[in-house]
Amino acid sequence: MIAIGCDHGGFELKEAVKKHLDEREIEYRDFGTYSLDSCDYAVYAEKAAKAVVSGECEKGLLFCGTGVGISIAANKVKGIRACCCSDKFSAEMTRLHNDANMLCLGGRVVSAEKAIELADIFLDTQFSGEERHVRRIAQITDLENRF
């Protein structure tokens, strides 16, 4: 199950990606927002991120105007490694090397077609499990636990 969430700036992109997930028969839980009405991205980032951390959802997809604000908010939830991407290489490497568990995309930055492509790459790429990457993720977790 994939957690998804957005603010008003990412709403249309979220809806396009949801349609694609339906076509791929990938289950998701939509944590909102559910309209173009102005709202605060941190609210929806937290809801979706908590679902990923709890294990209710395996990964998450978040959307706001740039993808940046919602990624900052999601990364405040302990256990989340959210990345904001707008290119294929970054979307692949963040899974392969960083074992990122949330992808954040900007509705004012990428097209629906590009968002779908990046979401597919993110969802389909497995973490490499290489020792150097495991070690680096452990260092990130250690930092998270110190503060």
Foldseek 3Di string as FASTA:
>chain_A
DEEEEEFLQFQVLSVLLVVVCVVVVHDYDYQDDDHNPGDDLLVRLVVRLVCCVVVVHVAYEYEYAAQPVSQVSNVVPQPADEDEDQDQVCLQCCAQQVVGRYYTHHSNRHDSVSSNVSVCNNVVHHHNPDPVSVVVNVVVNVVVVVD
